[in-house]
Amino acid sequence: MERSTRGDDYQHVPRPVAVLVDEYPPHFMDPPHSHERAQLLYASAGVMSVMTDDTSFTIPPQRAVWMPAGVRHQALCRGHVSLRTLYVEPGADARLPGRCQVLKVSNLLRELILEASDLPVEYALDGREARIMQLILDEIAVAVEHPVQALQVPMPQDERLLRACRLVMDSPGDEADLDHFADLSGMGRRTFTRAFRRETGISFSEWRQQVRLAHALSLLSLGGAVTTVAFDVGYNSPSAFTAMFQRAFGVAPSHYFEAAIDHSRAAA
């Protein structure tokens, strides 16, 4: 089989893992769809957002999204994105989860994905090529034990709450307080906070913080200065933004994307 940039062409490849490689321009939107196979979406360069019916995920270069088979989703490229999608055959590995989650991509997993991208679509089922694919499944199984919560934003189903959420996602730097969003939703403050936690599992302030961090990653990936990004996503000072970013990701924002540049060079 020749390589294709159509996901549908990889659903019945007679191999446990099939790898799609593609490049997407800024602002490219892949409309809602689903696949027969599970998939690992990994942007080796650039930042992509992936939205399901109940969660929004952000994928910078050191992260990936695991998506079980049949999950309806859409994707938006924040800037230019180099995408590697691994389509995993149902039942290929019982350790892989039945829910969506963001994973940290280890150095080993990154290099394995890049190497697998250069193998034939119908790679040999014995020898080195098959061992690479099996090791990829092993590394994904390790990564799913430690999901990255800061890059996945749960979405409520109540249309009143969704109205508030959409406004925040459209303007993450808006400083409107909780009472404003409660009024917008036609609820009292207490009713709004209880309903929001019941539907998302977190408070509205925690949710808004995750949206801001995800948006900050997108802006930083496009070359935004840390100071500018901090104010754009609603922080009062660059130091407060840096402290929050470091708590969420374990590294300062400038260092995070220095690593991303190194990773994208490795993918070139």
Protein backbone atom coordinates (compact mmCIF):
# COMPACT_ATOMS: atom_id res chain seq x y z
CA MET A 1 0.00 0.00 0.00
CA GLU A 2 1.23 3.49 -0.88
CA ARG A 3 1.19 6.19 1.77
CA SER A 4 -1.94 8.34 1.91
CA THR A 5 -3.02 11.47 3.77
CA ARG A 6 -6.56 10.09 4.24
CA GLY A 7 -7.29 8.55 7.60
CA ASP A 8 -9.92 6.26 6.10
CA ASP A 9 -7.22 4.54 4.02
CA TYR A 10 -5.51 3.25 7.19
CA GLN A 11 -8.48 1.62 8.92
CA HIS A 12 -8.09 -1.81 7.32
CA VAL A 13 -4.32 -2.07 6.88
CA PRO A 14 -3.40 -5.68 7.81
CA ARG A 15 -1.02 -4.52 10.55
CA PRO A 16 -1.53 -3.78 14.28
CA VAL A 17 -0.31 -0.18 13.82
CA ALA A 18 -0.59 2.06 10.75
CA VAL A 19 1.10 5.48 10.59
CA LEU A 20 -0.25 8.51 8.71
CA VAL A 21 2.11 11.44 8.09
CA ASP A 22 0.77 14.83 7.01
CA GLU A 23 1.39 18.59 7.11
CA TYR A 24 -1.39 21.06 7.87
CA PRO A 25 -1.47 24.84 7.35
CA PRO A 26 -2.39 27.34 10.11
CA HIS A 27 -6.09 27.44 10.96
CA PHE A 28 -6.84 24.16 9.18
CA MET A 29 -10.02 22.60 10.57
CA ASP A 30 -10.73 18.89 10.26
CA PRO A 31 -14.53 18.56 10.67
CA PRO A 32 -16.20 16.12 13.09
CA HIS A 33 -15.53 12.47 12.25
CA SER A 34 -14.59 9.15 13.84
CA HIS A 35 -12.49 6.09 12.94
CA GLU A 36 -12.80 2.34 13.27
CA ARG A 37 -9.36 2.18 14.86
CA ALA A 38 -8.05 3.85 17.99
CA GLN A 39 -5.48 6.53 17.29
CA LEU A 40 -2.60 8.43 18.83
CA LEU A 41 -2.44 12.00 17.50
CA TYR A 42 1.07 13.42 17.82
CA ALA A 43 2.14 16.82 16.46
CA SER A 44 5.92 16.64 16.04
CA ALA A 45 5.83 20.38 15.32
CA GLY A 46 3.11 22.95 16.01
CA VAL A 47 0.09 22.97 18.32
CA MET A 48 -3.26 21.34 17.58
CA SER A 49 -6.58 21.39 19.44
CA VAL A 50 -8.77 18.29 19.35
CA MET A 51 -12.38 18.52 20.50
CA THR A 52 -14.74 15.68 21.38
CA ASP A 53 -18.34 16.04 22.54
CA ASP A 54 -17.28 16.46 26.17
CA THR A 55 -13.60 17.53 26.22
CA SER A 56 -11.19 19.91 24.50
CA PHE A 57 -7.56 18.75 24.25
CA THR A 58 -4.43 20.74 23.39
CA ILE A 59 -1.46 18.96 21.79
CA PRO A 60 1.92 20.70 21.81
CA PRO A 61 5.00 18.83 20.50
CA GLN A 62 5.81 17.01 23.75
CA ARG A 63 2.28 15.65 24.14
CA ALA A 64 -0.16 13.42 22.25
CA VAL A 65 -3.85 12.56 22.49
CA TRP A 66 -5.01 8.97 22.77
CA MET A 67 -8.40 8.55 21.06
CA PRO A 68 -10.33 5.25 21.32
CA ALA A 69 -12.05 3.85 18.26
CA GLY A 70 -15.41 5.36 17.39
CA VAL A 71 -14.97 8.64 19.30
CA ARG A 72 -16.34 11.54 17.29
CA HIS A 73 -13.89 14.46 17.21
CA GLN A 74 -12.69 17.47 15.24
CA ALA A 75 -9.28 19.17 15.09
CA LEU A 76 -7.98 22.72 14.68
CA CYS A 77 -4.39 23.62 13.81
CA ARG A 78 -3.25 26.73 15.69
CA GLY A 79 -0.26 27.18 13.40
CA HIS A 80 1.56 24.96 10.92
CA VAL A 81 1.38 21.38 12.22
CA SER A 82 3.44 18.32 11.33
CA LEU A 83 1.17 15.46 12.34
CA ARG A 84 1.91 11.78 12.93
CA THR A 85 -1.23 9.73 13.55
CA LEU A 86 -0.90 6.13 14.70
CA TYR A 87 -3.99 4.04 13.96
CA VAL A 88 -4.08 1.07 16.33
CA GLU A 89 -6.04 -2.05 15.48
CA PRO A 90 -8.80 -2.99 17.99
CA GLY A 91 -7.46 -5.55 20.43
CA ALA A 92 -3.81 -4.88 19.53
CA ASP A 93 -2.96 -4.27 23.20
CA ALA A 94 -5.30 -4.78 26.16
CA ARG A 95 -3.36 -2.19 28.20
CA LEU A 96 -4.59 0.72 26.06
CA PRO A 97 -7.48 2.69 27.59
CA GLY A 98 -11.05 3.06 26.45
CA ARG A 99 -11.15 6.80 27.13
CA CYS A 100 -9.50 9.87 25.62
CA GLN A 101 -6.51 11.40 27.37
CA VAL A 102 -3.45 13.57 26.82
CA LEU A 103 -0.13 11.74 27.19
CA LYS A 104 3.41 12.90 27.73
CA VAL A 105 5.58 11.77 24.82
CA SER A 106 8.90 10.47 26.12
CA ASN A 107 12.09 10.94 24.14
CA LEU A 108 12.00 7.24 23.28
CA LEU A 109 8.37 7.29 22.12
CA ARG A 110 9.02 10.39 20.00
CA GLU A 111 11.96 8.78 18.23
CA LEU A 112 10.02 5.54 17.72
CA ILE A 113 7.11 7.43 16.13
CA LEU A 114 9.45 9.31 13.80
CA GLU A 115 11.18 6.08 12.84
CA ALA A 116 7.86 4.31 12.28
CA SER A 117 6.83 7.15 9.96
CA ASP A 118 9.58 6.09 7.56
CA LEU A 119 8.68 2.38 7.52
CA PRO A 120 6.49 0.83 4.82
CA VAL A 121 2.77 0.98 5.61
CA GLU A 122 2.65 -2.82 5.36
CA TYR A 123 5.85 -3.38 7.32
CA ALA A 124 7.34 -6.83 7.86
CA LEU A 125 5.56 -8.76 10.61
CA ASP A 126 8.79 -10.26 11.88
CA GLY A 127 12.12 -8.64 12.56
CA ARG A 128 13.07 -5.05 13.38
CA GLU A 129 10.01 -3.27 11.92
CA ALA A 130 7.52 -5.31 13.92
CA ARG A 131 9.60 -4.84 17.08
CA ILE A 132 9.53 -1.06 16.62
CA MET A 133 5.74 -1.11 16.42
CA GLN A 134 5.45 -3.36 19.46
CA LEU A 135 7.76 -1.08 21.43
CA ILE A 136 5.55 1.87 20.46
CA LEU A 137 2.56 0.08 22.00
CA ASP A 138 4.64 -0.64 25.11
CA GLU A 139 5.57 3.05 25.45
CA ILE A 140 1.98 4.20 24.95
CA ALA A 141 0.87 1.74 27.65
CA VAL A 142 3.41 3.29 30.05
CA ALA A 143 2.36 6.85 29.13
CA VAL A 144 -1.37 6.27 29.71
CA GLU A 145 -0.62 5.55 33.37
CA HIS A 146 0.29 9.25 33.80
CA PRO A 147 -2.21 11.40 31.83
CA VAL A 148 -1.60 15.16 31.56
CA GLN A 149 -4.66 16.81 33.09
CA ALA A 150 -3.69 20.44 32.41
CA LEU A 151 -4.08 19.99 28.65
CA GLN A 152 -7.57 18.49 28.67
CA VAL A 153 -10.53 20.71 29.43
CA PRO A 154 -13.83 18.97 30.26
CA MET A 155 -16.93 20.50 28.68
CA PRO A 156 -20.38 20.58 30.32
CA GLN A 157 -23.44 19.31 28.49
CA ASP A 158 -25.89 21.87 29.90
CA GLU A 159 -26.40 24.47 27.16
CA ARG A 160 -26.53 27.28 29.75
CA LEU A 161 -23.09 26.36 31.05
CA LEU A 162 -21.78 25.83 27.53
CA ARG A 163 -22.74 29.41 26.70
CA ALA A 164 -20.38 30.67 29.39
CA CYS A 165 -17.66 28.23 28.39
CA ARG A 166 -17.71 29.30 24.76
CA LEU A 167 -17.23 32.93 25.77
CA VAL A 168 -14.21 32.04 27.90
CA MET A 169 -12.69 29.94 25.13
CA ASP A 170 -13.24 32.76 22.63
CA SER A 171 -11.63 35.33 24.97
CA PRO A 172 -9.48 33.57 27.62
CA GLY A 173 -8.07 36.89 28.84
CA ASP A 174 -11.49 38.32 29.74
CA GLU A 175 -11.43 39.27 33.43
CA ALA A 176 -15.20 39.00 34.01
CA ASP A 177 -15.94 37.46 37.40
CA LEU A 178 -17.97 34.40 38.34
CA ASP A 179 -21.14 36.41 38.97
CA HIS A 180 -21.05 37.64 35.35
CA PHE A 181 -21.00 34.12 33.97
CA ALA A 182 -23.65 32.94 36.40
CA ASP A 183 -25.93 35.79 35.28
CA LEU A 184 -25.18 34.98 31.65
CA SER A 185 -26.27 31.40 32.27
CA GLY A 186 -29.49 32.50 33.98
CA MET A 187 -28.40 30.99 37.31
CA GLY A 188 -27.55 32.20 40.77
CA ARG A 189 -23.89 32.06 41.77
CA ARG A 190 -24.32 29.00 44.00
CA THR A 191 -26.44 27.11 41.46
CA PHE A 192 -23.91 27.85 38.72
CA THR A 193 -20.91 26.67 40.73
CA ARG A 194 -22.64 23.46 41.83
CA ALA A 195 -23.89 22.67 38.33
CA PHE A 196 -20.49 23.37 36.79
CA ARG A 197 -18.64 21.09 39.19
CA ARG A 198 -21.26 18.38 38.80
CA GLU A 199 -20.90 18.37 35.00
CA THR A 200 -17.13 18.86 34.66
CA GLY A 201 -15.67 17.51 37.91
CA ILE A 202 -13.78 20.75 38.59
CA SER A 203 -14.61 24.30 39.65
CA PHE A 204 -15.19 27.07 37.12
CA SER A 205 -11.99 28.86 38.19
CA GLU A 206 -9.94 25.68 37.70
CA TRP A 207 -11.59 25.16 34.32
CA ARG A 208 -10.83 28.72 33.20
CA GLN A 209 -7.21 28.33 34.31
CA GLN A 210 -6.86 25.21 32.14
CA VAL A 211 -8.36 27.06 29.16
CA ARG A 212 -5.91 29.90 29.67
CA LEU A 213 -2.93 27.56 29.87
CA ALA A 214 -4.02 25.76 26.72
CA HIS A 215 -4.46 29.05 24.87
CA ALA A 216 -1.08 30.25 26.15
CA LEU A 217 0.58 27.20 24.60
CA SER A 218 -0.99 28.07 21.27
CA LEU A 219 0.23 31.67 21.43
CA LEU A 220 3.72 30.67 22.53
CA SER A 221 3.96 28.14 19.72
CA LEU A 222 3.30 30.96 17.25
CA GLY A 223 6.23 32.95 18.63
CA GLY A 224 4.45 35.11 21.20
CA ALA A 225 6.65 36.67 23.89
CA VAL A 226 6.04 35.35 27.41
CA THR A 227 5.14 38.82 28.72
CA THR A 228 2.62 39.46 25.94
CA VAL A 229 1.08 36.01 26.27
CA ALA A 230 0.74 36.41 30.04
CA PHE A 231 -1.41 39.53 29.65
CA ASP A 232 -3.31 38.10 26.66
CA VAL A 233 -4.56 35.15 28.72
CA GLY A 234 -5.57 37.23 31.74
CA TYR A 235 -2.62 37.17 34.13
CA ASN A 236 -1.70 40.39 35.94
CA SER A 237 2.04 39.82 35.64
CA PRO A 238 4.48 37.64 33.67
CA SER A 239 5.81 36.22 36.94
CA ALA A 240 2.36 35.00 38.02
CA PHE A 241 1.86 33.42 34.60
CA THR A 242 5.29 31.78 34.67
CA ALA A 243 4.66 30.36 38.15
CA MET A 244 1.32 28.87 37.10
CA PHE A 245 2.78 27.50 33.84
CA GLN A 246 5.65 25.90 35.72
CA ARG A 247 3.31 24.27 38.24
CA ALA A 248 1.23 22.84 35.38
CA PHE A 249 4.03 21.68 33.06
CA GLY A 250 7.12 21.41 35.27
CA VAL A 251 9.13 23.93 33.22
CA ALA A 252 9.10 27.66 32.50
CA PRO A 253 7.26 28.68 29.30
CA SER A 254 10.43 29.80 27.52
CA HIS A 255 12.18 26.51 28.27
CA TYR A 256 9.14 24.47 27.26
CA PHE A 257 9.25 25.75 23.72
CA GLU A 258 13.01 25.65 23.49
CA ALA A 259 12.53 21.91 23.89
CA ALA A 260 9.77 21.97 21.29
CA ILE A 261 12.13 23.58 18.75
CA ASP A 262 14.66 20.79 19.38
CA HIS A 263 11.95 18.20 18.88
CA SER A 264 10.76 19.70 15.62
CA ARG A 265 14.34 19.74 14.32
CA ALA A 266 14.55 16.04 15.13
CA ALA A 267 11.38 15.52 13.09
CA ALA A 268 12.73 17.36 10.06
